[in-house]
Amino acid sequence: MKSALSPICLYLIAITNLLAYWFDFMGIVSWSMTIILLMLGAYFTRYSAES
């Protein structure tokens, strides 16, 4: 399950920024969510499957 968290975080970044653009919500909340999700996505790459 932890190996799926990195792509989930990266997809949530895209969705967050798309919704922020559509609804004109480009404030500090959108930026902070993007940075937090990016840091979480980078952290969970340690659990990605090694092949």
C-alpha atoms as a PDB file:
ATOM      1  CA  MET A   1       0.000   0.000   0.000  1.00  0.00           C
ATOM      2  CA  LYS A   2       2.842   2.402   0.770  1.00  0.00           C
ATOM      3  CA  SER A   3       4.207   2.000  -2.747  1.00  0.00           C
ATOM      4  CA  ALA A   4       0.979   3.507  -4.125  1.00  0.00           C
ATOM      5  CA  LEU A   5       1.137   6.629  -1.965  1.00  0.00           C
ATOM      6  CA  SER A   6       3.753   8.394  -4.071  1.00  0.00           C
ATOM      7  CA  PRO A   7       1.712   8.340  -7.316  1.00  0.00           C
ATOM      8  CA  ILE A   8      -1.437   9.201  -5.360  1.00  0.00           C
ATOM      9  CA  CYS A   9       0.246  12.300  -3.935  1.00  0.00           C
ATOM     10  CA  LEU A  10       1.468  13.340  -7.370  1.00  0.00           C
ATOM     11  CA  TYR A  11      -1.997  12.924  -8.890  1.00  0.00           C
ATOM     12  CA  LEU A  12      -3.463  14.941  -6.020  1.00  0.00           C
ATOM     13  CA  ILE A  13      -1.017  17.739  -6.825  1.00  0.00           C
ATOM     14  CA  ALA A  14      -2.350  17.854 -10.375  1.00  0.00           C
ATOM     15  CA  ILE A  15      -5.968  17.810  -9.205  1.00  0.00           C
ATOM     16  CA  THR A  16      -5.337  20.478  -6.571  1.00  0.00           C
ATOM     17  CA  ASN A  17      -3.687  22.828  -9.050  1.00  0.00           C
ATOM     18  CA  LEU A  18      -6.328  22.208 -11.693  1.00  0.00           C
ATOM     19  CA  LEU A  19      -9.153  22.974  -9.267  1.00  0.00           C
ATOM     20  CA  ALA A  20      -7.289  26.021  -7.989  1.00  0.00           C
ATOM     21  CA  TYR A  21      -6.955  27.314 -11.541  1.00  0.00           C
ATOM     22  CA  TRP A  22     -10.562  26.608 -12.496  1.00  0.00           C
ATOM     23  CA  PHE A  23     -12.088  28.174  -9.389  1.00  0.00           C
ATOM     24  CA  ASP A  24      -9.573  31.045  -9.159  1.00  0.00           C
ATOM     25  CA  PHE A  25      -8.209  29.808  -5.843  1.00  0.00           C
ATOM     26  CA  MET A  26      -4.472  30.366  -6.289  1.00  0.00           C
ATOM     27  CA  GLY A  27      -3.810  31.387  -2.712  1.00  0.00           C
ATOM     28  CA  ILE A  28      -1.553  30.242   0.063  1.00  0.00           C
ATOM     29  CA  VAL A  29      -3.750  27.211   0.766  1.00  0.00           C
ATOM     30  CA  SER A  30      -3.271  25.853  -2.739  1.00  0.00           C
ATOM     31  CA  TRP A  31       0.470  26.479  -2.639  1.00  0.00           C
ATOM     32  CA  SER A  32       0.886  24.908   0.771  1.00  0.00           C
ATOM     33  CA  MET A  33      -1.127  21.822  -0.218  1.00  0.00           C
ATOM     34  CA  THR A  34       1.045  21.465  -3.315  1.00  0.00           C
ATOM     35  CA  ILE A  35       4.269  21.690  -1.311  1.00  0.00           C
ATOM     36  CA  ILE A  36       3.039  19.261   1.363  1.00  0.00           C
ATOM     37  CA  LEU A  37       1.869  16.732  -1.228  1.00  0.00           C
ATOM     38  CA  LEU A  38       5.148  17.074  -3.126  1.00  0.00           C
ATOM     39  CA  MET A  39       7.148  16.414   0.030  1.00  0.00           C
ATOM     40  CA  LEU A  40       4.965  13.411   0.899  1.00  0.00           C
ATOM     41  CA  GLY A  41       5.293  12.053  -2.629  1.00  0.00           C
ATOM     42  CA  ALA A  42       9.063  12.377  -2.452  1.00  0.00           C
ATOM     43  CA  TYR A  43       9.128  10.703   0.958  1.00  0.00           C
ATOM     44  CA  PHE A  44       7.066   7.714  -0.138  1.00  0.00           C
ATOM     45  CA  THR A  45       9.315   7.005  -3.141  1.00  0.00           C
ATOM     46  CA  ARG A  46      11.447   5.080  -0.664  1.00  0.00           C
ATOM     47  CA  TYR A  47       8.725   2.413  -0.594  1.00  0.00           C
ATOM     48  CA  SER A  48       8.492   2.059  -4.377  1.00  0.00           C
ATOM     49  CA  ALA A  49       8.992  -1.439  -5.717  1.00  0.00           C
ATOM     50  CA  GLU A  50      12.505  -2.348  -6.720  1.00  0.00           C
ATOM     51  CA  SER A  51      12.819  -4.583  -9.735  1.00  0.00           C
END
